[in-house]
C-alpha cells in the first residue's frame, strides 16, 4: 500500500460522491494526499508494533468505521441545523440508512 495508490483510490471513490472543498484552505488532492499518508503511516506503525497483515486490516477497518460514524454525526448535525427534513431523509436514503 502506497500513499499515491491510496490517494488514487480515494479520488475514485470521491468521483461518485464529490466533496466540497470550496470553503477550505486545502484542495481535494491535498486532502487526499494528507489522509493517504496518514493511513499509510498508521499501517507502518501497526506493522512495527508487530501486528500481522490481517490484524492491521482489522484495525484499519475499525479506524475507517470510526471515521464514518464521526462523519455521519457531523452530517446529521449539519442537516439538523439547516432544518431541511427532506434533505436529511434524502441523505439517509442515499447512504442506505432508514
PDB file of N, CA and C in Angstrom:
ATOM      1  N   UNK A   1       0.857  -1.169   0.000  1.00  0.00           N
ATOM      2  CA  UNK A   1       0.000   0.000   0.000  1.00  0.00           C
ATOM      3  C   UNK A   1       0.901   1.230   0.000  1.00  0.00           C
ATOM      4  N   UNK A   2       0.702   2.075  -0.989  1.00  0.00           N
ATOM      5  CA  UNK A   2       1.463   3.322  -1.046  1.00  0.00           C
ATOM      6  C   UNK A   2       0.502   4.498  -0.906  1.00  0.00           C
ATOM      7  N   UNK A   3       0.993   5.626  -0.388  1.00  0.00           N
ATOM      8  CA  UNK A   3       0.125   6.799  -0.283  1.00  0.00           C
ATOM      9  C   UNK A   3      -0.415   7.246  -1.643  1.00  0.00           C
ATOM     10  N   UNK A   4       0.399   7.127  -2.681  1.00  0.00           N
ATOM     11  CA  UNK A   4      -0.039   7.546  -4.015  1.00  0.00           C
ATOM     12  C   UNK A   4      -1.204   6.682  -4.505  1.00  0.00           C
ATOM     13  N   UNK A   5      -1.073   5.372  -4.339  1.00  0.00           N
ATOM     14  CA  UNK A   5      -2.143   4.465  -4.772  1.00  0.00           C
ATOM     15  C   UNK A   5      -3.405   4.690  -3.941  1.00  0.00           C
ATOM     16  N   UNK A   6      -3.227   4.863  -2.648  1.00  0.00           N
ATOM     17  CA  UNK A   6      -4.365   5.101  -1.764  1.00  0.00           C
ATOM     18  C   UNK A   6      -5.078   6.406  -2.130  1.00  0.00           C
ATOM     19  N   UNK A   7      -4.316   7.464  -2.416  1.00  0.00           N
ATOM     20  CA  UNK A   7      -4.921   8.741  -2.823  1.00  0.00           C
ATOM     21  C   UNK A   7      -5.702   8.578  -4.118  1.00  0.00           C
ATOM     22  N   UNK A   8      -5.197   7.758  -5.038  1.00  0.00           N
ATOM     23  CA  UNK A   8      -5.902   7.490  -6.295  1.00  0.00           C
ATOM     24  C   UNK A   8      -7.217   6.764  -6.021  1.00  0.00           C
ATOM     25  N   UNK A   9      -7.196   5.788  -5.125  1.00  0.00           N
ATOM     26  CA  UNK A   9      -8.425   5.072  -4.768  1.00  0.00           C
ATOM     27  C   UNK A   9      -9.438   6.015  -4.114  1.00  0.00           C
ATOM     28  N   UNK A  10      -8.955   6.899  -3.252  1.00  0.00           N
ATOM     29  CA  UNK A  10      -9.845   7.880  -2.610  1.00  0.00           C
ATOM     30  C   UNK A  10     -10.503   8.742  -3.679  1.00  0.00           C
ATOM     31  N   UNK A  11      -9.718   9.186  -4.664  1.00  0.00           N
ATOM     32  CA  UNK A  11     -10.261  10.020  -5.747  1.00  0.00           C
ATOM     33  C   UNK A  11     -11.331   9.264  -6.526  1.00  0.00           C
ATOM     34  N   UNK A  12     -11.120   7.982  -6.753  1.00  0.00           N
ATOM     35  CA  UNK A  12     -12.117   7.179  -7.468  1.00  0.00           C
ATOM     36  C   UNK A  12     -13.412   7.090  -6.669  1.00  0.00           C
ATOM     37  N   UNK A  13     -13.297   6.901  -5.364  1.00  0.00           N
ATOM     38  CA  UNK A  13     -14.481   6.856  -4.501  1.00  0.00           C
ATOM     39  C   UNK A  13     -15.187   8.203  -4.523  1.00  0.00           C
ATOM     40  N   UNK A  14     -14.404   9.277  -4.426  1.00  0.00           N
ATOM     41  CA  UNK A  14     -14.957  10.625  -4.417  1.00  0.00           C
ATOM     42  C   UNK A  14     -15.685  10.980  -5.701  1.00  0.00           C
ATOM     43  N   UNK A  15     -15.278  10.377  -6.814  1.00  0.00           N
ATOM     44  CA  UNK A  15     -15.910  10.714  -8.087  1.00  0.00           C
ATOM     45  C   UNK A  15     -17.406  10.413  -8.059  1.00  0.00           C
ATOM     46  N   UNK A  16     -17.824   9.430  -7.273  1.00  0.00           N
ATOM     47  CA  UNK A  16     -19.241   9.087  -7.155  1.00  0.00           C
ATOM     48  C   UNK A  16     -19.972   9.988  -6.160  1.00  0.00           C
ATOM     49  N   UNK A  17     -19.242  10.589  -5.234  1.00  0.00           N
ATOM     50  CA  UNK A  17     -19.839  11.436  -4.202  1.00  0.00           C
ATOM     51  C   UNK A  17     -18.847  12.553  -3.880  1.00  0.00           C
ATOM     52  N   UNK A  18     -18.723  13.549  -4.767  1.00  0.00           N
ATOM     53  CA  UNK A  18     -17.713  14.597  -4.601  1.00  0.00           C
ATOM     54  C   UNK A  18     -17.877  15.376  -3.297  1.00  0.00           C
ATOM     55  N   UNK A  19     -16.749  15.758  -2.746  1.00  0.00           N
ATOM     56  CA  UNK A  19     -16.725  16.569  -1.531  1.00  0.00           C
ATOM     57  C   UNK A  19     -16.525  18.029  -1.917  1.00  0.00           C
ATOM     58  N   UNK A  20     -17.016  18.925  -1.086  1.00  0.00           N
ATOM     59  CA  UNK A  20     -16.926  20.363  -1.355  1.00  0.00           C
ATOM     60  C   UNK A  20     -15.769  20.966  -0.562  1.00  0.00           C
ATOM     61  N   UNK A  21     -14.742  21.377  -1.263  1.00  0.00           N
ATOM     62  CA  UNK A  21     -13.562  21.967  -0.623  1.00  0.00           C
ATOM     63  C   UNK A  21     -13.509  23.476  -0.815  1.00  0.00           C
ATOM     64  N   UNK A  22     -14.549  24.074  -1.376  1.00  0.00           N
ATOM     65  CA  UNK A  22     -14.526  25.490  -1.729  1.00  0.00           C
ATOM     66  C   UNK A  22     -14.197  26.409  -0.551  1.00  0.00           C
ATOM     67  N   UNK A  23     -14.709  26.094   0.628  1.00  0.00           N
ATOM     68  CA  UNK A  23     -14.524  26.986   1.775  1.00  0.00           C
ATOM     69  C   UNK A  23     -13.272  26.657   2.587  1.00  0.00           C
ATOM     70  N   UNK A  24     -12.449  25.757   2.095  1.00  0.00           N
ATOM     71  CA  UNK A  24     -11.282  25.322   2.867  1.00  0.00           C
ATOM     72  C   UNK A  24      -9.990  25.819   2.248  1.00  0.00           C
ATOM     73  N   UNK A  25      -8.943  25.826   3.046  1.00  0.00           N
ATOM     74  CA  UNK A  25      -7.643  26.270   2.546  1.00  0.00           C
ATOM     75  C   UNK A  25      -6.817  25.107   2.003  1.00  0.00           C
ATOM     76  N   UNK A  26      -7.439  23.945   1.831  1.00  0.00           N
ATOM     77  CA  UNK A  26      -6.771  22.782   1.243  1.00  0.00           C
ATOM     78  C   UNK A  26      -7.635  22.287   0.096  1.00  0.00           C
ATOM     79  N   UNK A  27      -6.987  21.874  -0.984  1.00  0.00           N
ATOM     80  CA  UNK A  27      -7.760  21.368  -2.106  1.00  0.00           C
ATOM     81  C   UNK A  27      -7.981  19.867  -1.947  1.00  0.00           C
ATOM     82  N   UNK A  28      -8.803  19.311  -2.817  1.00  0.00           N
ATOM     83  CA  UNK A  28      -9.164  17.892  -2.723  1.00  0.00           C
ATOM     84  C   UNK A  28      -7.935  17.004  -2.825  1.00  0.00           C
ATOM     85  N   UNK A  29      -7.055  17.294  -3.768  1.00  0.00           N
ATOM     86  CA  UNK A  29      -5.846  16.484  -3.926  1.00  0.00           C
ATOM     87  C   UNK A  29      -4.960  16.533  -2.699  1.00  0.00           C
ATOM     88  N   UNK A  30      -4.813  17.709  -2.127  1.00  0.00           N
ATOM     89  CA  UNK A  30      -4.009  17.855  -0.908  1.00  0.00           C
ATOM     90  C   UNK A  30      -4.617  17.099   0.261  1.00  0.00           C
ATOM     91  N   UNK A  31      -5.929  17.160   0.383  1.00  0.00           N
ATOM     92  CA  UNK A  31      -6.604  16.440   1.467  1.00  0.00           C
ATOM     93  C   UNK A  31      -6.450  14.932   1.292  1.00  0.00           C
ATOM     94  N   UNK A  32      -6.598  14.464   0.050  1.00  0.00           N
ATOM     95  CA  UNK A  32      -6.432  13.025  -0.205  1.00  0.00           C
ATOM     96  C   UNK A  32      -5.013  12.581   0.110  1.00  0.00           C
ATOM     97  N   UNK A  33      -4.014  13.364  -0.328  1.00  0.00           N
ATOM     98  CA  UNK A  33      -2.614  13.009  -0.049  1.00  0.00           C
ATOM     99  C   UNK A  33      -2.335  13.008   1.453  1.00  0.00           C
ATOM    100  N   UNK A  34      -2.860  13.987   2.166  1.00  0.00           N
ATOM    101  CA  UNK A  34      -2.662  14.071   3.613  1.00  0.00           C
ATOM    102  C   UNK A  34      -3.219  12.833   4.312  1.00  0.00           C
ATOM    103  N   UNK A  35      -4.456  12.464   3.979  1.00  0.00           N
ATOM    104  CA  UNK A  35      -5.079  11.306   4.623  1.00  0.00           C
ATOM    105  C   UNK A  35      -4.434  10.000   4.186  1.00  0.00           C
ATOM    106  N   UNK A  36      -4.047   9.906   2.913  1.00  0.00           N
ATOM    107  CA  UNK A  36      -3.382   8.687   2.428  1.00  0.00           C
ATOM    108  C   UNK A  36      -2.046   8.503   3.143  1.00  0.00           C
ATOM    109  N   UNK A  37      -1.290   9.574   3.276  1.00  0.00           N
ATOM    110  CA  UNK A  37      -0.019   9.487   4.014  1.00  0.00           C
ATOM    111  C   UNK A  37      -0.254   9.093   5.463  1.00  0.00           C
ATOM    112  N   UNK A  38      -1.274   9.679   6.067  1.00  0.00           N
ATOM    113  CA  UNK A  38      -1.591   9.368   7.458  1.00  0.00           C
ATOM    114  C   UNK A  38      -1.970   7.893   7.614  1.00  0.00           C
ATOM    115  N   UNK A  39      -2.814   7.391   6.718  1.00  0.00           N
ATOM    116  CA  UNK A  39      -3.249   5.993   6.786  1.00  0.00           C
ATOM    117  C   UNK A  39      -2.064   5.046   6.603  1.00  0.00           C
ATOM    118  N   UNK A  40      -1.196   5.362   5.655  1.00  0.00           N
ATOM    119  CA  UNK A  40      -0.023   4.505   5.417  1.00  0.00           C
ATOM    120  C   UNK A  40       0.930   4.547   6.602  1.00  0.00           C
ATOM    121  N   UNK A  41       1.055   5.704   7.227  1.00  0.00           N
ATOM    122  CA  UNK A  41       1.893   5.812   8.423  1.00  0.00           C
ATOM    123  C   UNK A  41       1.303   4.975   9.557  1.00  0.00           C
ATOM    124  N   UNK A  42      -0.017   5.012   9.714  1.00  0.00           N
ATOM    125  CA  UNK A  42      -0.661   4.170  10.725  1.00  0.00           C
ATOM    126  C   UNK A  42      -0.385   2.694  10.458  1.00  0.00           C
ATOM    127  N   UNK A  43      -0.491   2.292   9.201  1.00  0.00           N
ATOM    128  CA  UNK A  43      -0.225   0.907   8.835  1.00  0.00           C
ATOM    129  C   UNK A  43       1.215   0.528   9.166  1.00  0.00           C
ATOM    130  N   UNK A  44       2.156   1.413   8.862  1.00  0.00           N
ATOM    131  CA  UNK A  44       3.565   1.142   9.168  1.00  0.00           C
ATOM    132  C   UNK A  44       3.788   1.004  10.667  1.00  0.00           C
ATOM    133  N   UNK A  45       3.168   1.885  11.440  1.00  0.00           N
ATOM    134  CA  UNK A  45       3.322   1.820  12.903  1.00  0.00           C
ATOM    135  C   UNK A  45       2.726   0.530  13.470  1.00  0.00           C
ATOM    136  N   UNK A  46       1.577   0.131  12.933  1.00  0.00           N
ATOM    137  CA  UNK A  46       0.968  -1.116  13.393  1.00  0.00           C
ATOM    138  C   UNK A  46       1.849  -2.311  13.034  1.00  0.00           C
ATOM    139  N   UNK A  47       2.465  -2.272  11.866  1.00  0.00           N
ATOM    140  CA  UNK A  47       3.392  -3.340  11.462  1.00  0.00           C
ATOM    141  C   UNK A  47       4.603  -3.343  12.378  1.00  0.00           C
ATOM    142  N   UNK A  48       5.136  -2.155  12.665  1.00  0.00           N
ATOM    143  CA  UNK A  48       6.285  -2.048  13.566  1.00  0.00           C
ATOM    144  C   UNK A  48       5.943  -2.551  14.971  1.00  0.00           C
ATOM    145  N   UNK A  49       4.682  -2.409  15.340  1.00  0.00           N
ATOM    146  CA  UNK A  49       4.216  -2.870  16.645  1.00  0.00           C
ATOM    147  C   UNK A  49       4.093  -4.392  16.682  1.00  0.00           C
ATOM    148  N   UNK A  50       4.158  -5.015  15.495  1.00  0.00           N
ATOM    149  CA  UNK A  50       4.126  -6.469  15.420  1.00  0.00           C
ATOM    150  C   UNK A  50       2.815  -7.069  14.959  1.00  0.00           C
ATOM    151  N   UNK A  51       1.878  -6.244  14.532  1.00  0.00           N
ATOM    152  CA  UNK A  51       0.597  -6.784  14.068  1.00  0.00           C
ATOM    153  C   UNK A  51       0.757  -7.410  12.686  1.00  0.00           C
ATOM    154  N   UNK A  52       0.144  -8.576  12.518  1.00  0.00           N
ATOM    155  CA  UNK A  52       0.137  -9.261  11.227  1.00  0.00           C
ATOM    156  C   UNK A  52      -0.787  -8.519  10.261  1.00  0.00           C
ATOM    157  N   UNK A  53      -0.693  -8.856   8.997  1.00  0.00           N
ATOM    158  CA  UNK A  53      -1.481  -8.175   7.968  1.00  0.00           C
ATOM    159  C   UNK A  53      -2.970  -8.209   8.273  1.00  0.00           C
ATOM    160  N   UNK A  54      -3.512  -9.359   8.662  1.00  0.00           N
ATOM    161  CA  UNK A  54      -4.948  -9.440   8.942  1.00  0.00           C
ATOM    162  C   UNK A  54      -5.325  -8.622  10.172  1.00  0.00           C
ATOM    163  N   UNK A  55      -4.442  -8.549  11.151  1.00  0.00           N
ATOM    164  CA  UNK A  55      -4.703  -7.724  12.338  1.00  0.00           C
ATOM    165  C   UNK A  55      -4.662  -6.235  11.986  1.00  0.00           C
ATOM    166  N   UNK A  56      -3.725  -5.856  11.111  1.00  0.00           N
ATOM    167  CA  UNK A  56      -3.655  -4.454  10.678  1.00  0.00           C
ATOM    168  C   UNK A  56      -4.887  -4.086   9.859  1.00  0.00           C
ATOM    169  N   UNK A  57      -5.319  -5.005   8.994  1.00  0.00           N
ATOM    170  CA  UNK A  57      -6.514  -4.758   8.195  1.00  0.00           C
ATOM    171  C   UNK A  57      -7.734  -4.547   9.094  1.00  0.00           C
ATOM    172  N   UNK A  58      -7.855  -5.371  10.115  1.00  0.00           N
ATOM    173  CA  UNK A  58      -8.965  -5.231  11.057  1.00  0.00           C
ATOM    174  C   UNK A  58      -8.883  -3.889  11.786  1.00  0.00           C
ATOM    175  N   UNK A  59      -7.701  -3.493  12.207  1.00  0.00           N
ATOM    176  CA  UNK A  59      -7.530  -2.216  12.905  1.00  0.00           C
ATOM    177  C   UNK A  59      -7.832  -1.048  11.963  1.00  0.00           C
ATOM    178  N   UNK A  60      -7.369  -1.137  10.718  1.00  0.00           N
ATOM    179  CA  UNK A  60      -7.632  -0.071   9.758  1.00  0.00           C
ATOM    180  C   UNK A  60      -9.127   0.018   9.445  1.00  0.00           C
ATOM    181  N   UNK A  61      -9.802  -1.127   9.372  1.00  0.00           N
ATOM    182  CA  UNK A  61     -11.253  -1.127   9.156  1.00  0.00           C
ATOM    183  C   UNK A  61     -11.955  -0.453  10.337  1.00  0.00           C
ATOM    184  N   UNK A  62     -11.482  -0.714  11.546  1.00  0.00           N
ATOM    185  CA  UNK A  62     -12.070  -0.083  12.733  1.00  0.00           C
ATOM    186  C   UNK A  62     -11.849   1.427  12.702  1.00  0.00           C
ATOM    187  N   UNK A  63     -10.669   1.851  12.290  1.00  0.00           N
ATOM    188  CA  UNK A  63     -10.376   3.286  12.185  1.00  0.00           C
ATOM    189  C   UNK A  63     -11.281   3.921  11.133  1.00  0.00           C
ATOM    190  N   UNK A  64     -11.426   3.260   9.981  1.00  0.00           N
ATOM    191  CA  UNK A  64     -12.288   3.779   8.920  1.00  0.00           C
ATOM    192  C   UNK A  64     -13.743   3.832   9.391  1.00  0.00           C
ATOM    193  N   UNK A  65     -14.200   2.798  10.082  1.00  0.00           N
ATOM    194  CA  UNK A  65     -15.581   2.770  10.580  1.00  0.00           C
ATOM    195  C   UNK A  65     -15.807   3.891  11.596  1.00  0.00           C
ATOM    196  N   UNK A  66     -14.827   4.132  12.449  1.00  0.00           N
ATOM    197  CA  UNK A  66     -14.932   5.231  13.416  1.00  0.00           C
ATOM    198  C   UNK A  66     -15.062   6.568  12.675  1.00  0.00           C
ATOM    199  N   UNK A  67     -14.260   6.750  11.634  1.00  0.00           N
ATOM    200  CA  UNK A  67     -14.340   7.984  10.846  1.00  0.00           C
ATOM    201  C   UNK A  67     -15.708   8.113  10.180  1.00  0.00           C
ATOM    202  N   UNK A  68     -16.280   6.990   9.735  1.00  0.00           N
ATOM    203  CA  UNK A  68     -17.613   7.015   9.130  1.00  0.00           C
ATOM    204  C   UNK A  68     -18.678   7.408  10.150  1.00  0.00           C
ATOM    205  N   UNK A  69     -18.572   6.899  11.360  1.00  0.00           N
ATOM    206  CA  UNK A  69     -19.518   7.265  12.420  1.00  0.00           C
ATOM    207  C   UNK A  69     -19.396   8.760  12.716  1.00  0.00           C
ATOM    208  N   UNK A  70     -18.166   9.242  12.819  1.00  0.00           N
ATOM    209  CA  UNK A  70     -17.947  10.664  13.071  1.00  0.00           C
ATOM    210  C   UNK A  70     -18.533  11.504  11.940  1.00  0.00           C
ATOM    211  N   UNK A  71     -18.298  11.089  10.692  1.00  0.00           N
ATOM    212  CA  UNK A  71     -18.839  11.808   9.546  1.00  0.00           C
ATOM    213  C   UNK A  71     -20.366  11.807   9.572  1.00  0.00           C
ATOM    214  N   UNK A  72     -20.954  10.662   9.916  1.00  0.00           N
ATOM    215  CA  UNK A  72     -22.406  10.571   9.981  1.00  0.00           C
ATOM    216  C   UNK A  72     -22.955  11.561  11.008  1.00  0.00           C
ATOM    217  N   UNK A  73     -22.332  11.634  12.172  1.00  0.00           N
ATOM    218  CA  UNK A  73     -22.797  12.563  13.202  1.00  0.00           C
ATOM    219  C   UNK A  73     -22.673  14.008  12.740  1.00  0.00           C
ATOM    220  N   UNK A  74     -21.563  14.326  12.077  1.00  0.00           N
ATOM    221  CA  UNK A  74     -21.375  15.685  11.561  1.00  0.00           C
ATOM    222  C   UNK A  74     -22.425  16.013  10.497  1.00  0.00           C
ATOM    223  N   UNK A  75     -22.724  15.056   9.625  1.00  0.00           N
ATOM    224  CA  UNK A  75     -23.739  15.273   8.603  1.00  0.00           C
ATOM    225  C   UNK A  75     -25.120  15.443   9.228  1.00  0.00           C
ATOM    226  N   UNK A  76     -25.444  14.604  10.199  1.00  0.00           N
ATOM    227  CA  UNK A  76     -26.731  14.734  10.885  1.00  0.00           C
ATOM    228  C   UNK A  76     -26.856  16.125  11.505  1.00  0.00           C
ATOM    229  N   UNK A  77     -25.820  16.575  12.171  1.00  0.00           N
ATOM    230  CA  UNK A  77     -25.846  17.888  12.817  1.00  0.00           C
ATOM    231  C   UNK A  77     -25.993  19.009  11.783  1.00  0.00           C
ATOM    232  N   UNK A  78     -25.270  18.903  10.675  1.00  0.00           N
ATOM    233  CA  UNK A  78     -25.362  19.914   9.614  1.00  0.00           C
ATOM    234  C   UNK A  78     -26.772  19.965   9.042  1.00  0.00           C
ATOM    235  N   UNK A  79     -27.338  18.803   8.764  1.00  0.00           N
ATOM    236  CA  UNK A  79     -28.677  18.758   8.193  1.00  0.00           C
ATOM    237  C   UNK A  79     -29.729  19.217   9.206  1.00  0.00           C
ATOM    238  N   UNK A  80     -29.547  18.863  10.467  1.00  0.00           N
ATOM    239  CA  UNK A  80     -30.483  19.296  11.511  1.00  0.00           C
ATOM    240  C   UNK A  80     -30.428  20.813  11.651  1.00  0.00           C
ATOM    241  N   UNK A  81     -29.225  21.380  11.625  1.00  0.00           N
ATOM    242  CA  UNK A  81     -29.071  22.834  11.757  1.00  0.00           C
ATOM    243  C   UNK A  81     -29.707  23.549  10.570  1.00  0.00           C
ATOM    244  N   UNK A  82     -29.647  22.940   9.391  1.00  0.00           N
ATOM    245  CA  UNK A  82     -30.252  23.544   8.199  1.00  0.00           C
ATOM    246  C   UNK A  82     -31.772  23.476   8.261  1.00  0.00           C
ATOM    247  N   UNK A  83     -32.304  22.536   9.055  1.00  0.00           N
ATOM    248  CA  UNK A  83     -33.748  22.422   9.223  1.00  0.00           C
ATOM    249  C   UNK A  83     -34.486  21.868   8.027  1.00  0.00           C
ATOM    250  N   UNK A  84     -33.776  21.275   7.094  1.00  0.00           N
ATOM    251  CA  UNK A  84     -34.404  20.741   5.881  1.00  0.00           C
ATOM    252  C   UNK A  84     -34.609  19.242   6.046  1.00  0.00           C
ATOM    253  N   UNK A  85     -35.801  18.843   6.473  1.00  0.00           N
ATOM    254  CA  UNK A  85     -36.087  17.434   6.726  1.00  0.00           C
ATOM    255  C   UNK A  85     -36.040  16.598   5.453  1.00  0.00           C
ATOM    256  N   UNK A  86     -36.441  17.171   4.322  1.00  0.00           N
ATOM    257  CA  UNK A  86     -36.405  16.425   3.060  1.00  0.00           C
ATOM    258  C   UNK A  86     -34.954  16.119   2.684  1.00  0.00           C
ATOM    259  N   UNK A  87     -34.057  17.080   2.850  1.00  0.00           N
ATOM    260  CA  UNK A  87     -32.646  16.852   2.541  1.00  0.00           C
ATOM    261  C   UNK A  87     -32.061  15.807   3.494  1.00  0.00           C
ATOM    262  N   UNK A  88     -32.455  15.864   4.758  1.00  0.00           N
ATOM    263  CA  UNK A  88     -31.992  14.902   5.750  1.00  0.00           C
ATOM    264  C   UNK A  88     -32.417  13.492   5.362  1.00  0.00           C
ATOM    265  N   UNK A  89     -33.676  13.313   4.984  1.00  0.00           N
ATOM    266  CA  UNK A  89     -34.168  11.993   4.576  1.00  0.00           C
ATOM    267  C   UNK A  89     -33.485  11.521   3.299  1.00  0.00           C
ATOM    268  N   UNK A  90     -33.242  12.433   2.366  1.00  0.00           N
ATOM    269  CA  UNK A  90     -32.563  12.074   1.118  1.00  0.00           C
ATOM    270  C   UNK A  90     -31.132  11.626   1.403  1.00  0.00           C
ATOM    271  N   UNK A  91     -30.455  12.325   2.310  1.00  0.00           N
ATOM    272  CA  UNK A  91     -29.084  11.935   2.684  1.00  0.00           C
ATOM    273  C   UNK A  91     -29.082  10.544   3.301  1.00  0.00           C
ATOM    274  N   UNK A  92     -30.028  10.285   4.205  1.00  0.00           N
ATOM    275  CA  UNK A  92     -30.108   8.972   4.836  1.00  0.00           C
ATOM    276  C   UNK A  92     -30.352   7.881   3.794  1.00  0.00           C
ATOM    277  N   UNK A  93     -31.285   8.129   2.866  1.00  0.00           N
ATOM    278  CA  UNK A  93     -31.583   7.124   1.836  1.00  0.00           C
ATOM    279  C   UNK A  93     -30.375   6.894   0.941  1.00  0.00           C
ATOM    280  N   UNK A  94     -29.683   7.964   0.547  1.00  0.00           N
ATOM    281  CA  UNK A  94     -28.515   7.867  -0.312  1.00  0.00           C
ATOM    282  C   UNK A  94     -27.424   7.025   0.322  1.00  0.00           C
ATOM    283  N   UNK A  95     -27.365   7.009   1.650  1.00  0.00           N
ATOM    284  CA  UNK A  95     -26.335   6.275   2.366  1.00  0.00           C
ATOM    285  C   UNK A  95     -26.856   4.970   2.981  1.00  0.00           C
ATOM    286  N   UNK A  96     -28.048   4.541   2.542  1.00  0.00           N
ATOM    287  CA  UNK A  96     -28.571   3.246   2.975  1.00  0.00           C
ATOM    288  C   UNK A  96     -29.031   3.205   4.416  1.00  0.00           C
ATOM    289  N   UNK A  97     -29.432   4.348   4.945  1.00  0.00           N
ATOM    290  CA  UNK A  97     -29.899   4.426   6.341  1.00  0.00           C
ATOM    291  C   UNK A  97     -31.396   4.713   6.310  1.00  0.00           C
ATOM    292  N   UNK A  98     -32.163   3.842   6.885  1.00  0.00           N
ATOM    293  CA  UNK A  98     -33.604   4.063   7.011  1.00  0.00           C
ATOM    294  C   UNK A  98     -34.422   3.865   5.811  1.00  0.00           C
TER     295      UNK A  98
END
